[in-house]
Structure formats: C-alpha cells, structure tokens
C-alpha cells in the first residue's frame, strides 16, 4: 500500500516470522536496537591543524522486545524452549518482524539473523481479572536488515 504524502503507518499490526513462516501476531514491538561503534580518528591536516573524523566501526549485536497474547503456537513455544535450554543449534533462527497496514499488507520488515530468545515474562493475572494474558519476550540477534515492502 502506498501512503499519501504526509501520512505515516499506524503502529497497531505486527507479525513475526521464524525461518520464513508466520508464527505469531504481536501486540507490541519495543526497543528494536542496533548500534554501530563510532571510531574517532584524529590527524593533522597539511596546515598542521587537528582534524577529527568519525569513522564507522563494527556493528554490535541487537535486541528487541515483543509481546504476544498467550497462545498455543508450538513453533514459537519450541523456539523459546530451545533458547532457554541452551540448545543454540536449534534456537538460532532467522526471524522477521513485519509491520502491516490496517488492511494487513506488509509495509516494513526487520530481518533478524541468528535470533534467539533471552528473556520471557508472563503478564500478571488474578482470579477477578478478565484481561488478556500476554508474554513479553526479549530477542537477541546478530544482524538486522531493514526492508520497505
């Protein structure tokens, strides 16, 4: 979907794919963070004046937190369980977070290489509460590429 100039995508419809298969729709995506090291390089120019250039260094691994309704998604649960058990040969997956427009069309994708779950938090619940139960999962990844759909 092409947005009219001046409009932005609303942030209410996310999904996650693991190894290319859509496994879950998400209620929240928070803190997708990657950082590239900045390296200052000081040198003198031909006039003897100091010049400092900032050079790009290596990319650091990233992290993102996602929230989902507590479901029976066996693929997602297996991924969490493999990560928590330290079975990294099966836990490291390529995951893609997909931002969709209100009609469900992909608008943007964040491809996470060698992603695995490092933290799981269940929402609080009580006998007199009727809210939806959720799980919040922190995902570590080695590299991200961003794609506009």
Protein backbone atom coordinates (compact mmCIF):
# COMPACT_ATOMS: atom_id res chain seq x y z
CA UNK A 1 0.00 0.00 0.00
CA UNK A 2 1.33 3.41 -0.91
CA UNK A 3 0.69 6.08 1.68
CA UNK A 4 -0.29 9.59 0.65
CA UNK A 5 2.47 12.11 1.25
CA UNK A 6 2.45 13.37 4.82
CA UNK A 7 0.85 10.21 6.24
CA UNK A 8 2.60 7.60 8.34
CA UNK A 9 1.88 3.97 9.13
CA UNK A 10 -0.04 3.36 12.33
CA UNK A 11 1.65 1.02 14.77
CA UNK A 12 -1.06 -1.48 15.53
CA UNK A 13 -0.46 -4.58 13.44
CA UNK A 14 2.74 -6.65 13.74
CA UNK A 15 3.61 -10.23 12.99
CA UNK A 16 6.72 -12.37 13.36
CA UNK A 17 8.04 -15.00 11.01
CA UNK A 18 10.55 -17.64 12.05
CA UNK A 19 12.57 -19.12 9.20
CA UNK A 20 10.09 -17.63 6.73
CA UNK A 21 6.91 -18.99 8.34
CA UNK A 22 4.41 -16.63 10.01
CA UNK A 23 4.07 -17.98 13.53
CA UNK A 24 2.53 -15.23 15.59
CA UNK A 25 0.84 -11.85 15.55
CA UNK A 26 2.21 -9.45 18.12
CA UNK A 27 0.55 -6.95 20.41
CA UNK A 28 3.70 -4.88 20.85
CA UNK A 29 7.21 -4.41 19.47
CA UNK A 30 9.51 -2.35 21.65
CA UNK A 31 13.10 -1.20 21.65
CA UNK A 32 14.46 -2.65 18.43
CA UNK A 33 18.04 -1.54 18.90
CA UNK A 34 21.23 -1.98 16.92
CA UNK A 35 24.31 0.12 17.28
CA UNK A 36 27.38 0.73 15.17
CA UNK A 37 30.55 1.67 17.01
CA UNK A 38 31.86 5.15 16.14
CA UNK A 39 35.65 5.44 15.98
CA UNK A 40 37.22 8.91 16.27
CA UNK A 41 40.27 9.31 14.07
CA UNK A 42 42.37 12.38 14.89
CA UNK A 43 45.03 13.55 12.47
CA UNK A 44 46.70 16.76 11.43
CA UNK A 45 45.93 18.28 8.06
CA UNK A 46 48.50 19.84 5.70
CA UNK A 47 48.33 23.13 7.67
CA UNK A 48 49.17 21.34 10.92
CA UNK A 49 45.66 21.80 12.30
CA UNK A 50 43.99 18.95 14.08
CA UNK A 51 41.14 17.30 12.24
CA UNK A 52 38.90 14.65 13.79
CA UNK A 53 36.87 12.36 11.57
CA UNK A 54 34.36 9.86 12.92
CA UNK A 55 34.68 6.51 11.16
CA UNK A 56 32.17 3.66 11.22
CA UNK A 57 33.25 0.69 13.31
CA UNK A 58 31.74 -2.75 13.67
CA UNK A 59 28.04 -3.29 14.25
CA UNK A 60 27.08 -4.59 17.67
CA UNK A 61 24.51 -7.36 18.14
CA UNK A 62 20.96 -6.10 18.65
CA UNK A 63 17.92 -6.68 20.80
CA UNK A 64 14.16 -6.28 20.53
CA UNK A 65 11.29 -6.98 22.89
CA UNK A 66 8.00 -8.35 21.55
CA UNK A 67 4.72 -9.00 23.29
CA UNK A 68 2.16 -11.58 22.23
CA UNK A 69 -1.11 -12.90 23.55
CA UNK A 70 -0.57 -16.19 25.37
CA UNK A 71 -1.34 -18.72 22.66
CA UNK A 72 -0.58 -22.32 21.84
CA UNK A 73 1.81 -21.52 18.97
CA UNK A 74 4.01 -24.62 19.14
CA UNK A 75 6.63 -23.16 16.79
CA UNK A 76 7.06 -20.05 18.94
CA UNK A 77 6.97 -22.07 22.17
CA UNK A 78 9.58 -24.51 20.82
CA UNK A 79 11.81 -21.56 19.89
CA UNK A 80 11.54 -20.14 23.41
CA UNK A 81 12.18 -23.57 24.97
CA UNK A 82 15.22 -24.27 22.78
CA UNK A 83 16.66 -20.86 23.69
CA UNK A 84 16.06 -21.27 27.42
CA UNK A 85 17.57 -24.79 27.40
CA UNK A 86 20.69 -23.53 25.65
CA UNK A 87 20.13 -25.64 22.53
CA UNK A 88 21.62 -22.90 20.36
CA UNK A 89 21.96 -25.10 17.27
CA UNK A 90 18.16 -25.17 17.05
CA UNK A 91 17.45 -21.90 18.90
CA UNK A 92 19.29 -19.57 16.50
CA UNK A 93 16.68 -18.77 13.87
CA UNK A 94 16.24 -16.13 11.24
CA UNK A 95 13.23 -14.09 12.34
CA UNK A 96 11.39 -11.28 10.62
CA UNK A 97 9.22 -8.70 12.34
CA UNK A 98 6.62 -7.39 9.91
CA UNK A 99 4.76 -4.08 10.25
CA UNK A 100 1.43 -4.20 8.44
CA UNK A 101 -1.02 -1.53 7.37
CA UNK A 102 -4.66 -1.62 8.60
CA UNK A 103 -5.56 -3.97 5.71
CA UNK A 104 -2.85 -6.49 6.69
CA UNK A 105 -0.45 -5.64 3.86
CA UNK A 106 3.27 -5.67 4.79
CA UNK A 107 4.74 -2.17 4.96
CA UNK A 108 8.15 -2.78 6.56
CA UNK A 109 10.24 -5.78 7.56
CA UNK A 110 13.09 -6.13 10.01
CA UNK A 111 15.05 -9.31 9.21
CA UNK A 112 16.91 -10.57 12.29
CA UNK A 113 19.75 -13.02 11.62
CA UNK A 114 20.58 -15.71 14.21
CA UNK A 115 17.87 -14.56 16.59
CA UNK A 116 17.13 -16.32 19.88
CA UNK A 117 15.05 -15.64 22.98
CA UNK A 118 16.90 -14.42 26.07
CA UNK A 119 14.07 -13.40 28.39
CA UNK A 120 10.46 -14.41 28.94
CA UNK A 121 7.97 -12.58 31.15
CA UNK A 122 4.33 -13.54 31.61
CA UNK A 123 1.79 -10.85 32.45
CA UNK A 124 0.31 -10.83 35.91
CA UNK A 125 -3.09 -12.39 36.41
CA UNK A 126 -5.64 -12.77 39.13
CA UNK A 127 -8.91 -14.64 39.63
CA UNK A 128 -11.00 -11.45 39.32
CA UNK A 129 -9.24 -10.08 36.23
CA UNK A 130 -10.65 -10.51 32.72
CA UNK A 131 -7.78 -9.00 30.72
CA UNK A 132 -5.85 -10.84 28.02
CA UNK A 133 -2.78 -12.71 29.23
CA UNK A 134 0.41 -11.84 27.41
CA UNK A 135 4.02 -12.90 27.24
CA UNK A 136 6.89 -10.50 26.70
CA UNK A 137 9.94 -11.99 25.01
CA UNK A 138 13.35 -10.35 24.57
CA UNK A 139 15.08 -11.45 21.39
CA UNK A 140 18.82 -11.18 20.77
CA UNK A 141 20.11 -11.11 17.20
CA UNK A 142 23.44 -10.80 15.42
CA UNK A 143 22.44 -8.65 12.46
CA UNK A 144 19.44 -6.76 11.11
CA UNK A 145 18.45 -5.67 7.64
CA UNK A 146 15.51 -3.36 7.05
CA UNK A 147 13.23 -3.66 4.05
CA UNK A 148 10.32 -1.49 2.97
CA UNK A 149 7.58 -3.58 1.38
